[in-house]
Protein backbone atom coordinates (compact mmCIF):
# COMPACT_ATOMS: atom_id res chain seq x y z
CA MET A 1 -18.09 -11.18 -0.94
CA LYS A 2 -16.71 -7.64 -0.78
CA ILE A 3 -13.12 -6.94 -1.80
CA PHE A 4 -11.22 -3.74 -1.00
CA ILE A 5 -8.31 -2.90 -3.32
CA SER A 6 -5.71 -0.36 -2.25
CA PHE A 7 -3.53 0.26 -5.29
CA ASP A 8 -0.26 2.10 -5.70
CA MET A 9 1.79 2.64 -8.85
CA GLU A 10 5.50 2.09 -8.29
CA GLY A 11 5.09 -1.67 -8.00
CA VAL A 12 3.45 -2.09 -11.42
CA ALA A 13 5.27 -4.02 -14.17
CA GLY A 14 6.87 -1.63 -16.66
CA ILE A 15 7.33 1.27 -14.23
CA VAL A 16 10.88 2.23 -13.21
CA ASP A 17 10.98 6.05 -13.28
CA TRP A 18 9.22 8.88 -11.45
CA SER A 19 8.17 10.41 -14.79
CA GLN A 20 5.89 7.40 -15.28
CA CYS A 21 4.19 8.12 -11.96
CA THR A 22 3.72 11.89 -12.10
CA ALA A 23 1.45 13.91 -14.40
CA PRO A 24 1.59 15.38 -16.97
CA GLY A 25 3.45 13.88 -19.91
CA GLN A 26 3.59 10.86 -22.18
CA PRO A 27 5.55 8.69 -19.70
CA TYR A 28 2.79 9.26 -17.12
CA GLU A 29 0.08 8.39 -19.65
CA GLU A 30 1.90 5.14 -20.35
CA GLY A 31 2.33 4.51 -16.62
CA ARG A 32 -1.33 5.04 -15.77
CA ALA A 33 -2.31 2.66 -18.59
CA LEU A 34 -0.04 0.00 -17.07
CA LEU A 35 -1.59 0.66 -13.66
CA LEU A 36 -5.13 0.36 -15.02
CA GLY A 37 -4.23 -2.99 -16.58
CA GLU A 38 -3.12 -4.48 -13.26
CA VAL A 39 -6.04 -3.07 -11.27
CA ASN A 40 -8.49 -4.44 -13.82
CA ALA A 41 -6.74 -7.80 -13.69
CA ALA A 42 -7.22 -7.91 -9.93
CA ILE A 43 -10.89 -6.98 -10.34
CA ASP A 44 -11.46 -9.60 -13.03
CA GLY A 45 -9.78 -12.27 -10.94
CA ALA A 46 -11.73 -11.37 -7.83
CA LEU A 47 -15.02 -11.56 -9.71
CA ALA A 48 -14.03 -14.89 -11.23
CA GLY A 49 -13.28 -16.17 -7.72
CA GLY A 50 -16.73 -15.22 -6.44
CA ALA A 51 -16.50 -11.60 -5.33
CA THR A 52 -19.73 -9.64 -5.66
CA GLU A 53 -18.54 -6.13 -4.77
CA ILE A 54 -15.24 -4.34 -5.43
CA VAL A 55 -14.08 -1.06 -3.89
CA CYS A 56 -10.87 0.47 -5.28
CA ASN A 57 -8.95 3.19 -3.45
CA ASP A 58 -6.46 5.17 -5.56
CA SER A 59 -3.47 5.43 -3.22
CA HIS A 60 -0.82 6.99 -5.46
CA GLY A 61 0.31 10.59 -5.66
CA ARG A 62 -2.62 12.92 -6.15
CA MET A 63 -4.81 9.82 -6.05
CA ASN A 64 -6.79 10.36 -9.24
CA ASN A 65 -4.79 8.28 -11.69
CA LEU A 66 -7.50 6.28 -13.46
CA ASN A 67 -10.46 6.95 -15.69
CA PRO A 68 -13.35 5.60 -13.58
CA ALA A 69 -15.27 4.55 -16.68
CA SER A 70 -12.42 2.19 -17.61
CA LEU A 71 -12.56 0.16 -14.39
CA HIS A 72 -13.88 -3.37 -14.88
CA GLY A 73 -16.74 -4.90 -12.96
CA ARG A 74 -18.37 -1.56 -12.26
CA ALA A 75 -16.04 -1.24 -9.30
CA THR A 76 -16.48 1.66 -6.91
CA TYR A 77 -13.59 4.12 -7.31
CA ILE A 78 -12.35 6.25 -4.42
CA ALA A 79 -10.13 9.08 -5.66
CA GLY A 80 -8.74 12.41 -4.56
CA ARG A 81 -6.49 13.79 -1.83
CA HIS A 82 -6.93 14.59 1.88
CA LYS A 83 -8.65 11.31 2.63
CA PRO A 84 -8.86 10.62 6.39
CA MET A 85 -7.70 7.01 5.97
CA TYR A 86 -5.27 7.84 3.16
CA MET A 87 -4.26 4.60 1.35
CA MET A 88 -7.00 2.69 3.18
CA GLU A 89 -9.93 5.07 2.64
CA GLY A 90 -13.11 3.09 2.07
CA MET A 91 -12.08 0.21 4.30
CA ASP A 92 -14.66 -0.82 6.90
CA GLN A 93 -16.15 -3.79 8.71
CA SER A 94 -18.17 -4.84 5.64
CA VAL A 95 -15.02 -5.80 3.71
CA ASP A 96 -14.24 -9.52 3.48
CA ALA A 97 -10.69 -9.28 2.11
CA VAL A 98 -8.05 -6.72 1.17
CA PHE A 99 -5.82 -6.61 -1.94
CA PHE A 100 -2.63 -4.53 -2.16
CA VAL A 101 -1.87 -4.02 -5.87
CA GLY A 102 1.16 -2.26 -7.33
CA TYR A 103 2.85 -1.87 -3.95
CA HIS A 104 6.59 -1.17 -3.57
CA GLY A 105 9.45 -1.63 -1.14
CA SER A 106 10.26 0.55 1.86
CA ILE A 107 12.73 3.43 1.82
CA SER A 108 14.98 1.61 4.31
CA GLY A 109 15.05 -1.84 2.74
CA GLU A 110 16.98 -3.51 -0.05
CA SER A 111 16.99 -1.82 -3.46
CA SER A 112 13.42 -1.63 -4.72
CA VAL A 113 12.17 0.35 -7.69
CA LEU A 114 11.07 3.85 -6.59
CA SER A 115 11.10 2.76 -2.95
CA HIS A 116 9.73 5.03 -0.24
CA THR A 117 7.54 4.89 2.85
CA TYR A 118 4.67 7.34 2.44
CA ASN A 119 6.94 10.43 2.15
CA PRO A 120 10.64 9.88 1.34
CA SER A 121 11.47 13.46 2.26
CA VAL A 122 10.35 12.85 5.83
CA VAL A 123 10.28 9.14 6.71
CA SER A 124 13.52 7.14 6.74
CA LYS A 125 12.28 3.90 8.33
CA THR A 126 9.24 2.38 10.00
CA GLU A 127 9.03 -0.61 12.35
CA LEU A 128 5.88 -2.43 13.39
CA ASN A 129 6.28 -4.31 16.66
CA GLY A 130 10.03 -4.19 16.10
CA THR A 131 9.91 -5.54 12.55
CA GLU A 132 10.96 -3.24 9.73
CA CYS A 133 8.02 -2.67 7.42
CA GLY A 134 6.87 -0.74 4.38
CA GLU A 135 3.50 0.68 3.47
CA SER A 136 1.85 -2.75 3.39
CA GLY A 137 2.68 -3.35 7.06
CA ILE A 138 1.46 0.08 8.12
CA ASN A 139 -1.75 -0.26 6.12
CA ALA A 140 -2.34 -3.71 7.57
CA LEU A 141 -3.24 -1.99 10.84
CA VAL A 142 -6.49 -0.95 9.18
CA ALA A 143 -7.19 -4.43 7.83
CA LEU A 144 -6.67 -5.81 11.32
CA GLY A 145 -8.89 -3.15 12.87
CA CYS A 146 -11.66 -4.01 10.42
CA ARG A 147 -11.15 -7.77 10.90
CA ALA A 148 -10.31 -8.54 7.26
CA PRO A 149 -7.37 -10.56 5.92
CA VAL A 150 -4.91 -9.20 3.38
CA ALA A 151 -5.38 -11.82 0.69
CA LEU A 152 -3.30 -10.54 -2.26
CA ILE A 153 -0.12 -8.50 -2.62
CA THR A 154 1.57 -7.58 -5.91
CA GLY A 155 4.82 -5.74 -6.59
CA ASP A 156 8.54 -6.45 -6.82
CA GLN A 157 10.43 -9.11 -4.87
CA GLN A 158 11.32 -6.74 -2.03
CA THR A 159 7.67 -5.82 -1.53
CA ILE A 160 6.75 -9.46 -1.13
CA THR A 161 9.66 -10.18 1.22
CA GLN A 162 8.83 -7.22 3.48
CA ALA A 163 5.17 -8.25 3.60
CA GLY A 164 6.05 -11.80 4.60
CA PRO A 165 6.08 -11.41 8.39
CA PHE A 166 2.58 -9.93 8.40
CA PHE A 167 0.79 -11.87 5.64
CA LYS A 168 2.16 -15.40 5.64
CA ASP A 169 -0.78 -16.94 3.76
CA ALA A 170 -1.61 -14.20 1.25
CA GLU A 171 -1.44 -14.82 -2.48
CA THR A 172 1.58 -12.97 -3.89
CA VAL A 173 2.63 -11.94 -7.39
CA VAL A 174 6.13 -10.70 -8.21
CA VAL A 175 5.73 -8.65 -11.39
CA LYS A 176 9.35 -7.45 -11.48
CA GLN A 177 12.75 -8.12 -9.98
CA SER A 178 14.29 -4.83 -8.84
CA ILE A 179 17.96 -4.39 -9.71
CA THR A 180 18.40 -0.90 -8.30
CA ARG A 181 16.00 1.84 -7.23
CA PHE A 182 15.62 2.79 -10.89
CA SER A 183 15.94 -0.49 -12.79
CA ALA A 184 14.27 -3.88 -12.87
CA THR A 185 13.74 -7.03 -14.88
CA GLN A 186 10.01 -7.08 -15.51
CA LEU A 187 7.30 -9.39 -16.71
CA HIS A 188 5.52 -8.37 -19.88
CA PRO A 189 2.40 -6.46 -18.77
CA LEU A 190 0.10 -9.10 -20.23
CA ASP A 191 1.90 -11.84 -18.29
CA ALA A 192 1.76 -9.76 -15.13
CA ARG A 193 -1.98 -9.24 -15.56
CA GLU A 194 -2.61 -12.94 -16.12
CA LYS A 195 -0.73 -13.82 -12.96
CA ILE A 196 -2.54 -11.14 -10.94
CA ALA A 197 -5.95 -12.28 -12.18
CA ALA A 198 -5.19 -15.90 -11.30
CA ALA A 199 -3.87 -14.97 -7.86
CA ALA A 200 -6.87 -12.72 -7.18
CA ALA A 201 -9.28 -15.53 -8.03
CA ALA A 202 -7.37 -17.93 -5.80
CA ALA A 203 -7.31 -15.38 -2.98
CA VAL A 204 -11.09 -14.94 -3.02
CA ARG A 205 -11.66 -18.68 -3.05
CA ARG A 206 -9.32 -19.06 -0.06
CA VAL A 207 -10.55 -16.10 2.00
CA ALA A 208 -12.05 -18.23 4.75
CA GLY A 209 -8.67 -19.85 5.38
CA ILE A 210 -6.51 -16.71 5.31
CA PRO A 211 -5.80 -15.31 8.79
CA LEU A 212 -5.86 -11.69 9.83
CA PRO A 213 -2.57 -9.78 9.61
CA ALA A 214 -0.03 -11.13 12.08
CA ILE A 215 0.19 -8.02 14.26
CA THR A 216 0.21 -8.59 18.01
CA LEU A 217 -1.74 -6.09 20.09
CA PRO A 218 -0.95 -3.67 21.55
CA ALA A 219 0.63 -2.59 18.26
CA ARG A 220 3.74 -0.41 18.31
CA LEU A 221 4.66 1.66 15.26
CA ASP A 222 8.06 3.36 15.42
CA VAL A 223 8.68 6.01 12.79
CA HIS A 224 12.19 7.28 12.04
CA LEU A 225 12.23 10.77 10.56
CA GLN A 226 14.88 12.34 8.36
CA THR A 227 15.50 15.26 10.75
CA ALA A 228 15.02 16.22 14.38
CA ASP A 229 12.75 19.06 13.28
CA MET A 230 10.35 16.61 11.65
CA ALA A 231 10.34 14.44 14.79
CA GLN A 232 9.42 17.49 16.84
CA VAL A 233 6.58 18.41 14.48
CA ALA A 234 5.37 14.80 14.40
CA SER A 235 5.14 14.77 18.21
CA TRP A 236 2.41 17.41 18.02
CA VAL A 237 0.03 14.76 16.64
CA LYS A 238 -2.31 13.08 19.11
CA GLY A 239 -1.03 9.62 19.90
CA ALA A 240 2.53 10.25 18.67
CA GLU A 241 5.23 10.30 21.33
CA ARG A 242 8.77 11.47 20.63
CA THR A 243 11.15 8.68 21.63
CA GLY A 244 14.47 9.98 20.31
CA THR A 245 16.15 12.75 18.35
CA ARG A 246 14.56 11.59 15.10
CA THR A 247 11.94 9.05 16.18
CA VAL A 248 8.33 8.99 17.27
CA ARG A 249 6.14 6.12 18.45
CA MET A 250 2.45 5.37 18.18
CA ASP A 251 1.08 2.42 20.13
CA GLY A 252 -2.08 0.97 21.61
CA ASP A 253 -4.65 -1.78 21.56
CA ASP A 254 -6.65 -0.10 18.78
CA PRO A 255 -4.83 -0.58 15.46
CA LEU A 256 -7.11 1.95 13.77
CA ALA A 257 -6.10 4.62 16.28
CA VAL A 258 -2.42 3.84 15.71
CA PHE A 259 -2.94 4.19 11.96
CA ARG A 260 -4.86 7.45 12.32
CA SER A 261 -2.01 8.91 14.35
CA PHE A 262 0.42 7.86 11.64
CA VAL A 263 -1.72 9.54 9.00
CA GLY A 264 -1.69 12.68 11.13
CA VAL A 265 2.10 12.52 11.27
CA THR A 266 2.23 12.07 7.51
CA TYR A 267 0.04 15.10 6.81
CA ILE A 268 1.55 17.48 9.35
CA THR A 269 5.16 16.75 8.37
CA ARG A 270 4.32 17.08 4.67
CA VAL A 271 2.91 20.56 5.34
CA ALA A 272 5.77 21.50 7.65
CA GLU A 273 8.38 20.82 4.99
CA GLY A 274 6.44 22.92 2.48
CA ARG A 275 5.11 20.09 0.30
């Protein structure tokens, strides 16, 4: 049983400020320790549930936030930037189930701690088949393309709500209740880890009964950009069609191709704005 874990940072219990998510500094050191605790909890739970192989993809920031030697279960650790599949690098047909750990709400949704959708300077909203979504919905295109269910999602209450239309039978763990974009009522980290481990074990045991992401094909991903300039630049990407002053669309029967076009949009607009 092979489990793929895509982990982010903003949805981890105890994290409410960008300083905890960006190196260097003491707040970041504390934040990455909190992140490691939740990732290890997911690994421990998966192994307890019967998993035999764990692949972890660091999906936050510069994507090298953990000490590989500190990962439990001798998990494989994918780190570093400029990964072709971005937050889903390492995902393939050999994976039996996907975990999203430490995920956060979308930039366009209700108040969620440190909310954004890939790049908050560029993306203002995304819709998958007409349903507003965050990063979990976008990344689910890869899970669908590789024929693996998303079995576990952790984060704040908005993250879980936004994931609902796509992952109706996934195990979910709310580790904090967002109050605003920079405040939340949070579980103690040890409690959060216990809940994540239990949910991960349950998810692995239930894998056979968890359906693939509920994304009807052909899939249609509409991306709303902050400016007309960014929409124009985004339209240069293969598979991205400009549909309005500040919108582009990627669609097709191949969810992996739709996702790859979105990644192209993400990279080219990030460069175009000088970041």
